[in-house]
Amino acid sequence: MDEQLAFLRHPPSSGPLPLACSFRSKSGEVELNYWPAKRGCESPPDRLILFILGNPGLLGYYPPFLTHLHSLLPPSHAILATSHIGHSTIIPGPKEPLDLPPQLESKIDLVQSLRKYLDDWSSGNGETREKPKLSLMGHSVGAWLSCEAMKSLNTSPNQDQWPVQSGYLLFPTLGWISNTWNGWTLWPIFHRPFKPLLPFLSPLVRPILPYTSLPTTSISLVNSPEIIRHVLHLSRSEMDLIRDPDIEWYKSQNLEDQQRGLFGIWAKGNLDGWVGKDGPLVQDALGGEESGRARLLDGVPHAFCLTQENSELVAEVVANWIDPSSSRGPIDSPTIHPKEPLGADMMPM
């Protein structure tokens, strides 16, 4: 078995969570955070949820959301979060920033490695047990990466043979990003002359950072010209490559089995500047809110992970999909729209 994934056997009570780890694929190394199954690691988790970040792909934005989700799930479930190559303050990125395709390749490599490790673990000691379920969950461009990974890997006509059982899309950017409101208004920062200049402005804005309400993770981003360069390069690649969504494939994920296929959360109304006409198209393909696979949340923005209230609300929606038997009743949008930190919607997170 791949020794890189030995952290999956990490006991839940042996230290603070999440557990910091990493994975190296052919494209490069990514930073990971792991929340092991609360029941222990004597056997593999019944379900592992791989969460693929948005952009910027800094793990520090998501612990409030993922920790709350972990607390809501059955004790046999585990969560693994993956950054993008070059989007880490502790793992050096490649000399040249990566486009979207090699980032996708690295995610597929990770999913395949996880699938093999879990299968080998479950068949160890000569015992026969049900194979662990593997689900993908993605925020923003992470949702697009999740869908593309599922399309690449779930090719068998037999759903029982699918490596990835289900996908959970959080404020997904699935088509025509360059034609969204933010794609139009922020167009200059993703193109010359501003795109190559912005990383060099980092030292100039550092003196004012203590006077802003930026989250700690955003401050670490602004303090790193190299990460800014990787973030902007991936953003430009998203604009160029994420265009026509495969609506027929999304329709194929509207399955009778409510434990398989796709589920998605979108902002209600015009609150999400990174989602355009692809939003209603994909929602309809999944059967709309009537199907139980699409949720539209009023008052929750694209960058939901920047406030505790929104993080917990989104986590509760996802937890109800994953484990309907533990339903906590109706989940309402916040009655008061929380104030977001300065700069909360300045990147396609």
Protein backbone atom coordinates (compact mmCIF):
# COMPACT_ATOMS: atom_id res chain seq x y z
CA MET A 1 0.00 0.00 0.00
CA ASP A 2 1.07 3.58 -0.65
CA GLU A 3 3.01 4.66 2.44
CA GLN A 4 2.15 8.29 1.67
CA LEU A 5 -1.37 7.47 2.85
CA ALA A 6 -0.37 5.83 6.13
CA PHE A 7 -1.89 8.84 7.93
CA LEU A 8 -5.32 7.28 7.20
CA ARG A 9 -4.59 4.90 10.10
CA HIS A 10 -3.87 7.78 12.48
CA PRO A 11 -5.75 7.38 15.81
CA PRO A 12 -8.27 10.20 16.32
CA SER A 13 -7.26 10.83 19.95
CA SER A 14 -3.48 11.06 19.53
CA GLY A 15 -3.28 14.79 18.88
CA PRO A 16 -5.09 17.92 17.72
CA LEU A 17 -7.14 17.81 14.54
CA PRO A 18 -6.88 18.21 11.67
CA LEU A 19 -3.78 16.13 11.08
CA ALA A 20 -1.36 17.89 8.71
CA CYS A 21 0.00 15.66 5.95
CA SER A 22 0.81 15.72 2.23
CA PHE A 23 0.68 13.69 -0.98
CA ARG A 24 3.04 13.76 -3.94
CA SER A 25 1.77 12.96 -7.42
CA LYS A 26 3.52 13.19 -10.78
CA SER A 27 2.47 16.85 -11.02
CA GLY A 28 3.78 17.89 -7.60
CA GLU A 29 3.10 17.81 -3.87
CA VAL A 30 -0.10 19.00 -2.18
CA GLU A 31 -0.79 19.86 1.44
CA LEU A 32 -3.54 17.83 3.14
CA ASN A 33 -5.61 18.01 6.33
CA TYR A 34 -7.14 14.85 7.79
CA TRP A 35 -10.00 14.28 10.24
CA PRO A 36 -9.93 10.52 11.06
CA ALA A 37 -13.00 8.48 11.93
CA LYS A 38 -13.98 9.13 15.53
CA ARG A 39 -14.45 5.40 16.23
CA GLY A 40 -10.73 4.70 15.72
CA CYS A 41 -8.47 3.24 13.03
CA GLU A 42 -8.63 -0.50 13.71
CA SER A 43 -10.57 -0.78 10.43
CA PRO A 44 -10.94 1.56 7.45
CA PRO A 45 -13.57 4.30 7.63
CA ASP A 46 -16.97 3.33 6.25
CA ARG A 47 -16.82 6.49 4.17
CA LEU A 48 -13.99 8.85 3.30
CA ILE A 49 -14.95 12.30 2.01
CA LEU A 50 -12.24 13.99 -0.05
CA PHE A 51 -12.75 17.76 -0.03
CA ILE A 52 -11.18 19.72 -2.91
CA LEU A 53 -10.63 23.38 -2.12
CA GLY A 54 -11.54 26.41 -4.16
CA ASN A 55 -9.03 29.01 -5.31
CA PRO A 56 -7.01 30.23 -3.40
CA GLY A 57 -6.43 26.66 -2.28
CA LEU A 58 -5.24 27.44 1.24
CA LEU A 59 -6.39 24.91 3.84
CA GLY A 60 -6.62 27.52 6.60
CA TYR A 61 -9.95 28.82 5.24
CA TYR A 62 -11.87 25.61 5.88
CA PRO A 63 -11.36 24.09 9.40
CA PRO A 64 -14.52 25.74 10.84
CA PHE A 65 -16.61 24.13 8.08
CA LEU A 66 -14.87 20.74 8.00
CA THR A 67 -14.57 20.39 11.78
CA HIS A 68 -18.29 21.03 12.19
CA LEU A 69 -19.12 18.60 9.37
CA HIS A 70 -16.88 15.98 10.99
CA SER A 71 -18.75 16.42 14.28
CA LEU A 72 -22.10 15.81 12.55
CA LEU A 73 -21.13 12.67 10.63
CA PRO A 74 -21.27 9.10 11.97
CA PRO A 75 -18.17 8.06 13.95
CA SER A 76 -17.18 5.72 11.12
CA HIS A 77 -16.72 8.60 8.61
CA ALA A 78 -13.48 10.48 7.89
CA ILE A 79 -12.67 13.69 5.98
CA LEU A 80 -9.57 14.52 3.95
CA ALA A 81 -9.03 18.02 2.51
CA THR A 82 -6.59 18.72 -0.31
CA SER A 83 -5.07 22.00 -1.43
CA HIS A 84 -3.70 22.65 -4.92
CA ILE A 85 -0.10 22.34 -6.01
CA GLY A 86 1.63 25.64 -5.25
CA HIS A 87 -1.11 26.81 -2.86
CA SER A 88 0.64 26.15 0.44
CA THR A 89 2.62 28.19 2.94
CA ILE A 90 4.62 25.12 4.06
CA ILE A 91 5.18 23.08 0.86
CA PRO A 92 7.17 24.87 -1.87
CA GLY A 93 5.39 25.01 -5.21
CA PRO A 94 6.90 24.25 -8.61
CA LYS A 95 8.97 26.90 -10.33
CA GLU A 96 6.28 27.46 -12.92
CA PRO A 97 2.61 27.67 -11.82
CA LEU A 98 0.34 24.89 -13.04
CA ASP A 99 -2.67 25.24 -15.33
CA LEU A 100 -5.97 23.56 -14.55
CA PRO A 101 -5.29 20.23 -16.39
CA PRO A 102 -2.23 19.18 -14.32
CA GLN A 103 -4.04 20.23 -11.14
CA LEU A 104 -6.90 17.94 -12.22
CA GLU A 105 -4.44 15.16 -13.00
CA SER A 106 -3.04 15.41 -9.46
CA LYS A 107 -6.57 15.13 -7.99
CA ILE A 108 -7.35 12.05 -10.06
CA ASP A 109 -4.05 10.51 -8.96
CA LEU A 110 -4.95 11.16 -5.31
CA VAL A 111 -8.45 9.69 -5.72
CA GLN A 112 -7.09 6.55 -7.39
CA SER A 113 -4.46 6.13 -4.67
CA LEU A 114 -7.08 6.57 -1.93
CA ARG A 115 -9.41 4.07 -3.61
CA LYS A 116 -6.67 1.44 -3.83
CA TYR A 117 -5.46 2.04 -0.26
CA LEU A 118 -8.97 1.75 1.19
CA ASP A 119 -9.73 -1.38 -0.84
CA ASP A 120 -6.48 -3.06 0.20
CA TRP A 121 -7.05 -2.08 3.83
CA SER A 122 -10.60 -3.46 3.84
CA SER A 123 -9.48 -6.79 2.38
CA GLY A 124 -6.55 -7.23 4.76
CA ASN A 125 -6.25 -9.99 7.35
CA GLY A 126 -8.22 -12.29 5.09
CA GLU A 127 -11.53 -10.71 6.15
CA THR A 128 -14.38 -9.99 3.77
CA ARG A 129 -16.15 -6.70 4.46
CA GLU A 130 -17.94 -4.07 2.44
CA LYS A 131 -15.54 -1.73 0.68
CA PRO A 132 -15.33 1.77 2.15
CA LYS A 133 -17.31 4.41 0.29
CA LEU A 134 -15.41 7.30 -1.27
CA SER A 135 -17.12 10.64 -1.88
CA LEU A 136 -15.83 13.89 -3.35
CA MET A 137 -16.81 17.36 -2.17
CA GLY A 138 -15.62 20.57 -3.76
CA HIS A 139 -15.98 24.31 -3.29
CA SER A 140 -16.02 26.64 -6.31
CA VAL A 141 -13.42 25.36 -8.80
CA GLY A 142 -12.96 22.40 -6.44
CA ALA A 143 -16.50 21.37 -7.43
CA TRP A 144 -15.51 21.44 -11.11
CA LEU A 145 -12.42 19.36 -10.31
CA SER A 146 -14.60 16.89 -8.37
CA CYS A 147 -16.99 16.50 -11.31
CA GLU A 148 -14.18 16.04 -13.82
CA ALA A 149 -12.57 13.42 -11.59
CA MET A 150 -15.88 11.56 -11.31
CA LYS A 151 -16.38 11.71 -15.08
CA SER A 152 -12.89 10.30 -15.62
CA LEU A 153 -13.14 7.49 -13.05
CA ASN A 154 -16.82 6.42 -12.89
CA THR A 155 -16.89 4.85 -16.34
CA SER A 156 -18.44 1.47 -15.52
CA PRO A 157 -22.11 0.95 -16.51
CA ASN A 158 -22.46 -0.80 -13.14
CA GLN A 159 -22.84 1.87 -10.45
CA ASP A 160 -21.62 -0.59 -7.83
CA GLN A 161 -18.23 -0.51 -9.57
CA TRP A 162 -17.87 3.26 -9.44
CA PRO A 163 -14.72 4.28 -7.51
CA VAL A 164 -16.50 7.45 -6.35
CA GLN A 165 -19.97 6.98 -4.99
CA SER A 166 -21.16 10.58 -4.70
CA GLY A 167 -20.19 14.22 -5.10
CA TYR A 168 -21.17 17.33 -3.13
CA LEU A 169 -20.83 20.65 -4.93
CA LEU A 170 -20.55 23.81 -2.83
CA PHE A 171 -21.19 27.06 -4.73
CA PRO A 172 -19.81 25.36 -7.84
CA THR A 173 -18.22 27.20 -10.77
CA LEU A 174 -19.11 24.76 -13.54
CA GLY A 175 -19.24 26.91 -16.67
CA TRP A 176 -18.38 30.21 -18.32
CA ILE A 177 -16.50 31.69 -15.34
CA SER A 178 -15.12 34.51 -17.49
CA ASN A 179 -18.71 35.63 -18.19
CA THR A 180 -19.77 35.93 -14.55
CA TRP A 181 -20.05 39.26 -12.74
CA ASN A 182 -16.71 38.78 -10.99
CA GLY A 183 -15.16 37.45 -14.16
CA TRP A 184 -16.02 40.73 -15.88
CA THR A 185 -15.18 43.15 -13.09
CA LEU A 186 -11.92 41.45 -12.05
CA TRP A 187 -10.80 40.74 -15.62
CA PRO A 188 -7.77 43.11 -15.38
CA ILE A 189 -6.07 41.26 -12.52
CA PHE A 190 -6.03 38.01 -14.49
CA HIS A 191 -4.38 39.56 -17.56
CA ARG A 192 -1.36 41.65 -18.45
CA PRO A 193 -0.08 44.08 -17.34
CA PHE A 194 -1.61 43.59 -13.86
CA LYS A 195 -1.33 39.80 -13.48
CA PRO A 196 2.51 39.64 -13.48
CA LEU A 197 2.76 42.82 -11.36
CA LEU A 198 0.40 41.93 -8.51
CA PRO A 199 2.78 39.50 -6.72
CA PHE A 200 5.38 42.26 -6.50
CA LEU A 201 2.89 44.57 -4.76
CA SER A 202 2.76 42.24 -1.76
CA PRO A 203 5.55 44.04 0.23
CA LEU A 204 3.82 47.39 -0.34
CA VAL A 205 0.55 46.35 1.32
CA ARG A 206 2.05 44.48 4.27
CA PRO A 207 2.23 47.57 6.52
CA ILE A 208 -1.56 48.07 6.32
CA LEU A 209 -2.53 44.43 6.97
CA PRO A 210 -2.78 44.86 10.78
CA TYR A 211 -5.45 47.51 10.19
CA THR A 212 -7.68 45.30 8.02
CA SER A 213 -10.21 42.64 9.01
CA LEU A 214 -8.69 40.07 6.67
CA PRO A 215 -8.72 36.48 7.97
CA THR A 216 -5.36 35.11 9.12
CA THR A 217 -5.20 32.84 6.06
CA SER A 218 -5.76 35.79 3.72
CA ILE A 219 -2.94 37.66 5.44
CA SER A 220 -0.61 34.69 4.86
CA LEU A 221 -1.64 34.75 1.21
CA VAL A 222 -0.95 38.46 0.80
CA ASN A 223 2.43 37.94 2.48
CA SER A 224 3.46 35.36 -0.14
CA PRO A 225 4.18 36.66 -3.65
CA GLU A 226 4.79 33.08 -4.85
CA ILE A 227 1.38 31.82 -3.74
CA ILE A 228 -0.25 34.90 -5.30
CA ARG A 229 1.47 34.01 -8.56
CA HIS A 230 0.12 30.44 -8.44
CA VAL A 231 -3.38 31.63 -7.48
CA LEU A 232 -3.59 34.15 -10.32
CA HIS A 233 -2.21 31.66 -12.85
CA LEU A 234 -4.81 29.04 -11.90
CA SER A 235 -7.54 31.69 -11.96
CA ARG A 236 -6.61 32.68 -15.50
CA SER A 237 -6.62 29.01 -16.52
CA GLU A 238 -10.10 28.61 -15.02
CA MET A 239 -11.33 31.58 -17.07
CA ASP A 240 -9.92 30.08 -20.25
CA LEU A 241 -10.95 26.44 -19.79
CA ILE A 242 -14.16 26.25 -17.74
CA ARG A 243 -16.77 26.96 -20.38
CA ASP A 244 -19.61 24.75 -21.67
CA PRO A 245 -20.81 22.39 -18.91
CA ASP A 246 -21.73 18.84 -19.90
CA ILE A 247 -25.41 19.10 -18.97
CA GLU A 248 -26.21 15.55 -20.11
CA TRP A 249 -23.63 14.20 -17.68
CA TYR A 250 -25.15 16.22 -14.84
CA LYS A 251 -28.56 14.78 -15.74
CA SER A 252 -27.04 11.30 -15.51
CA GLN A 253 -26.10 12.05 -11.88
CA ASN A 254 -29.72 12.64 -10.84
CA LEU A 255 -30.17 9.06 -9.64
CA GLU A 256 -32.97 7.34 -7.78
CA ASP A 257 -30.42 6.13 -5.25
CA GLN A 258 -30.03 9.11 -2.91
CA GLN A 259 -26.63 7.84 -1.75
CA ARG A 260 -25.13 8.13 -5.25
CA GLY A 261 -24.65 10.85 -7.84
CA LEU A 262 -24.40 14.59 -7.36
CA PHE A 263 -25.78 17.08 -4.86
CA GLY A 264 -25.21 20.84 -4.90
CA ILE A 265 -25.54 24.04 -2.89
CA TRP A 266 -25.93 27.43 -4.55
CA ALA A 267 -26.48 30.97 -3.30
CA LYS A 268 -30.04 32.17 -3.81
CA GLY A 269 -30.54 35.23 -5.99
CA ASN A 270 -27.55 37.26 -7.16
CA LEU A 271 -25.31 36.78 -4.14
CA ASP A 272 -22.70 34.66 -5.97
CA GLY A 273 -20.61 36.72 -8.38
CA TRP A 274 -18.69 33.63 -9.58
CA VAL A 275 -21.69 31.63 -10.80
CA GLY A 276 -23.60 32.61 -13.93
CA LYS A 277 -26.08 30.83 -16.18
CA ASP A 278 -24.46 27.47 -15.44
CA GLY A 279 -26.06 27.53 -11.99
CA PRO A 280 -29.74 27.22 -13.06
CA LEU A 281 -28.79 24.78 -15.84
CA VAL A 282 -27.06 22.35 -13.48
CA GLN A 283 -29.73 22.78 -10.81
CA ASP A 284 -32.38 21.80 -13.36
CA ALA A 285 -30.25 18.87 -14.54
CA LEU A 286 -30.18 17.57 -10.96
CA GLY A 287 -33.95 17.89 -10.66
CA GLY A 288 -34.05 21.21 -8.84
CA GLU A 289 -34.83 21.62 -5.15
CA GLU A 290 -37.80 19.26 -5.54
CA SER A 291 -35.40 16.35 -6.10
CA GLY A 292 -33.58 17.00 -2.84
CA ARG A 293 -30.29 17.21 -4.72
CA ALA A 294 -30.09 21.01 -5.09
CA ARG A 295 -30.25 23.57 -2.28
CA LEU A 296 -30.43 27.34 -2.73
CA LEU A 297 -29.40 29.19 0.42
CA ASP A 298 -30.53 32.77 0.97
CA GLY A 299 -27.97 35.06 2.56
CA VAL A 300 -25.03 32.64 2.22
CA PRO A 301 -22.29 33.95 -0.12
CA HIS A 302 -19.83 32.12 -2.36
CA ALA A 303 -17.08 32.53 0.25
CA PHE A 304 -19.21 30.81 2.91
CA CYS A 305 -16.13 29.50 4.73
CA LEU A 306 -15.15 32.95 6.05
CA THR A 307 -17.80 33.04 8.77
CA GLN A 308 -18.60 30.43 11.43
CA GLU A 309 -22.37 30.76 10.97
CA ASN A 310 -22.28 30.09 7.24
CA SER A 311 -19.71 27.31 7.64
CA GLU A 312 -21.95 25.48 10.10
CA LEU A 313 -25.08 25.94 8.01
CA VAL A 314 -23.44 24.52 4.86
CA ALA A 315 -21.97 21.66 6.90
CA GLU A 316 -25.45 20.75 8.17
CA VAL A 317 -26.87 20.62 4.64
CA VAL A 318 -24.08 18.30 3.50
CA ALA A 319 -24.36 16.12 6.62
CA ASN A 320 -28.08 15.59 5.96
CA TRP A 321 -27.27 14.36 2.44
CA ILE A 322 -24.54 12.01 3.61
CA ASP A 323 -26.46 10.60 6.58
CA PRO A 324 -30.22 11.28 6.21
CA SER A 325 -30.97 9.14 9.26
CA SER A 326 -29.36 11.77 11.47
CA SER A 327 -31.49 14.63 10.12
CA ARG A 328 -31.68 17.55 12.50
CA GLY A 329 -34.86 18.97 11.01
CA PRO A 330 -35.26 21.91 8.58
CA ILE A 331 -32.13 23.92 7.91
CA ASP A 332 -32.82 27.61 7.53
CA SER A 333 -30.75 30.33 5.95
CA PRO A 334 -29.38 32.92 8.39
CA THR A 335 -31.88 35.57 9.41
CA ILE A 336 -29.08 38.14 9.61
CA HIS A 337 -26.52 38.22 6.86
CA PRO A 338 -23.14 38.10 8.65
CA LYS A 339 -20.62 40.78 7.82
CA GLU A 340 -17.75 39.36 5.81
CA PRO A 341 -14.11 40.27 6.33
CA LEU A 342 -12.58 42.85 4.02
CA GLY A 343 -11.59 41.23 0.75
CA ALA A 344 -13.85 38.20 1.26
CA ASP A 345 -14.90 38.05 -2.38
CA MET A 346 -11.70 39.11 -4.11
CA MET A 347 -10.77 35.63 -5.37
CA PRO A 348 -12.77 32.76 -6.90
CA MET A 349 -12.83 30.79 -3.67
